Amino acid sequence: MPNIKSSKKRVKVTTVKSAQNKTVRTDLRTEIKKANIALENSAEDKTNAVRVAIKKIDKAVAKGILHKNTAARKKSALDKKLAAGA
């Protein structure tokens, strides 16, 4: 544990921010998995599932959790699977 007051605060802030980022990241992964399952099973709501996943990806980019190129790659893969199944 650091001795300097500002360093102590940094440790606290980092742990809080890491927890927040982790929840966003796990929600994102869950939505992507749901979209992939919907696409594989040709579910009726597959377009909606993909739309929700893409929205989550965009929110993660806005919060700085994902890089924009990573987001573009993930969105492109979902769109490609959706177009192939349609």
C-alpha atoms as a PDB file:
ATOM      1  CA  MET A   1       0.000   0.000   0.000  1.00  0.00           C
ATOM      2  CA  PRO A   2       1.427   3.413  -0.911  1.00  0.00           C
ATOM      3  CA  ASN A   3       2.260   6.045   1.689  1.00  0.00           C
ATOM      4  CA  ILE A   4       1.529   9.139  -0.386  1.00  0.00           C
ATOM      5  CA  LYS A   5      -2.015  10.452  -0.147  1.00  0.00           C
ATOM      6  CA  SER A   6      -2.499  10.912  -3.906  1.00  0.00           C
ATOM      7  CA  SER A   7      -1.178   7.409  -4.555  1.00  0.00           C
ATOM      8  CA  LYS A   8      -3.639   5.977  -2.052  1.00  0.00           C
ATOM      9  CA  LYS A   9      -6.468   7.750  -3.852  1.00  0.00           C
ATOM     10  CA  ARG A  10      -5.230   6.462  -7.214  1.00  0.00           C
ATOM     11  CA  VAL A  11      -5.375   2.889  -5.891  1.00  0.00           C
ATOM     12  CA  LYS A  12      -8.967   3.381  -4.729  1.00  0.00           C
ATOM     13  CA  VAL A  13     -10.078   5.053  -7.952  1.00  0.00           C
ATOM     14  CA  THR A  14      -8.397   2.389 -10.072  1.00  0.00           C
ATOM     15  CA  THR A  15     -10.149  -0.439  -8.254  1.00  0.00           C
ATOM     16  CA  VAL A  16     -13.553   1.256  -8.651  1.00  0.00           C
ATOM     17  CA  LYS A  17     -13.001   2.007 -12.351  1.00  0.00           C
ATOM     18  CA  SER A  18     -11.725  -1.530 -12.982  1.00  0.00           C
ATOM     19  CA  ALA A  19     -14.881  -2.961 -11.455  1.00  0.00           C
ATOM     20  CA  GLN A  20     -17.061  -0.696 -13.601  1.00  0.00           C
ATOM     21  CA  ASN A  21     -15.138  -1.612 -16.742  1.00  0.00           C
ATOM     22  CA  LYS A  22     -15.401  -5.297 -15.899  1.00  0.00           C
ATOM     23  CA  THR A  23     -19.196  -5.141 -15.648  1.00  0.00           C
ATOM     24  CA  VAL A  24     -19.444  -3.386 -19.014  1.00  0.00           C
ATOM     25  CA  ARG A  25     -17.058  -5.891 -20.603  1.00  0.00           C
ATOM     26  CA  THR A  26     -18.941  -8.920 -19.253  1.00  0.00           C
ATOM     27  CA  ASP A  27     -22.294  -7.487 -20.371  1.00  0.00           C
ATOM     28  CA  LEU A  28     -20.802  -6.900 -23.802  1.00  0.00           C
ATOM     29  CA  ARG A  29     -19.512 -10.457 -24.078  1.00  0.00           C
ATOM     30  CA  THR A  30     -22.883 -11.816 -22.941  1.00  0.00           C
ATOM     31  CA  GLU A  31     -24.758  -9.847 -25.604  1.00  0.00           C
ATOM     32  CA  ILE A  32     -22.334 -10.960 -28.323  1.00  0.00           C
ATOM     33  CA  LYS A  33     -22.781 -14.585 -27.243  1.00  0.00           C
ATOM     34  CA  LYS A  34     -26.571 -14.182 -27.271  1.00  0.00           C
ATOM     35  CA  ALA A  35     -26.406 -12.722 -30.773  1.00  0.00           C
ATOM     36  CA  ASN A  36     -24.190 -15.560 -32.004  1.00  0.00           C
ATOM     37  CA  ILE A  37     -26.518 -18.173 -30.511  1.00  0.00           C
ATOM     38  CA  ALA A  38     -29.529 -16.472 -32.097  1.00  0.00           C
ATOM     39  CA  LEU A  39     -27.746 -16.464 -35.467  1.00  0.00           C
ATOM     40  CA  GLU A  40     -26.734 -20.124 -35.184  1.00  0.00           C
ATOM     41  CA  ASN A  41     -30.241 -21.239 -34.229  1.00  0.00           C
ATOM     42  CA  SER A  42     -31.909 -18.979 -36.820  1.00  0.00           C
ATOM     43  CA  ALA A  43     -34.076 -17.478 -34.092  1.00  0.00           C
ATOM     44  CA  GLU A  44     -36.862 -15.087 -35.007  1.00  0.00           C
ATOM     45  CA  ASP A  45     -35.302 -12.243 -33.037  1.00  0.00           C
ATOM     46  CA  LYS A  46     -31.806 -12.595 -34.500  1.00  0.00           C
ATOM     47  CA  THR A  47     -31.821  -9.121 -36.065  1.00  0.00           C
ATOM     48  CA  ASN A  48     -32.854  -7.631 -32.739  1.00  0.00           C
ATOM     49  CA  ALA A  49     -30.149  -9.598 -30.912  1.00  0.00           C
ATOM     50  CA  VAL A  50     -27.516  -8.340 -33.348  1.00  0.00           C
ATOM     51  CA  ARG A  51     -28.817  -4.777 -32.995  1.00  0.00           C
ATOM     52  CA  VAL A  52     -28.537  -4.960 -29.202  1.00  0.00           C
ATOM     53  CA  ALA A  53     -25.020  -6.417 -29.408  1.00  0.00           C
ATOM     54  CA  ILE A  54     -23.889  -3.678 -31.793  1.00  0.00           C
ATOM     55  CA  LYS A  55     -25.341  -1.049 -29.481  1.00  0.00           C
ATOM     56  CA  LYS A  56     -23.391  -2.524 -26.552  1.00  0.00           C
ATOM     57  CA  ILE A  57     -20.217  -2.532 -28.659  1.00  0.00           C
ATOM     58  CA  ASP A  58     -20.692   1.135 -29.529  1.00  0.00           C
ATOM     59  CA  LYS A  59     -21.262   2.023 -25.878  1.00  0.00           C
ATOM     60  CA  ALA A  60     -18.073   0.193 -24.886  1.00  0.00           C
ATOM     61  CA  VAL A  61     -16.130   2.209 -27.464  1.00  0.00           C
ATOM     62  CA  ALA A  62     -17.654   5.453 -26.184  1.00  0.00           C
ATOM     63  CA  LYS A  63     -16.545   4.562 -22.652  1.00  0.00           C
ATOM     64  CA  GLY A  64     -13.024   3.715 -23.848  1.00  0.00           C
ATOM     65  CA  ILE A  65     -13.253   0.043 -22.974  1.00  0.00           C
ATOM     66  CA  LEU A  66     -12.856  -1.222 -26.542  1.00  0.00           C
ATOM     67  CA  HIS A  67     -10.651   0.142 -29.306  1.00  0.00           C
ATOM     68  CA  LYS A  68     -12.601   1.409 -32.293  1.00  0.00           C
ATOM     69  CA  ASN A  69     -10.954  -1.054 -34.688  1.00  0.00           C
ATOM     70  CA  THR A  70     -11.770  -3.971 -32.391  1.00  0.00           C
ATOM     71  CA  ALA A  71     -15.368  -2.781 -32.267  1.00  0.00           C
ATOM     72  CA  ALA A  72     -15.492  -2.472 -36.049  1.00  0.00           C
ATOM     73  CA  ARG A  73     -14.178  -6.028 -36.396  1.00  0.00           C
ATOM     74  CA  LYS A  74     -16.745  -7.429 -33.969  1.00  0.00           C
ATOM     75  CA  LYS A  75     -19.625  -5.533 -35.595  1.00  0.00           C
ATOM     76  CA  SER A  76     -18.501  -6.620 -39.051  1.00  0.00           C
ATOM     77  CA  ALA A  77     -18.399 -10.257 -37.992  1.00  0.00           C
ATOM     78  CA  LEU A  78     -21.938 -10.030 -36.582  1.00  0.00           C
ATOM     79  CA  ASP A  79     -23.241  -8.292 -39.725  1.00  0.00           C
ATOM     80  CA  LYS A  80     -21.558 -10.890 -41.913  1.00  0.00           C
ATOM     81  CA  LYS A  81     -23.174 -13.765 -40.010  1.00  0.00           C
ATOM     82  CA  LEU A  82     -26.540 -12.022 -40.137  1.00  0.00           C
ATOM     83  CA  ALA A  83     -26.296 -11.487 -43.896  1.00  0.00           C
ATOM     84  CA  ALA A  84     -25.226 -15.099 -44.472  1.00  0.00           C
ATOM     85  CA  GLY A  85     -28.178 -16.405 -42.480  1.00  0.00           C
ATOM     86  CA  ALA A  86     -30.740 -14.098 -44.071  1.00  0.00           C
END
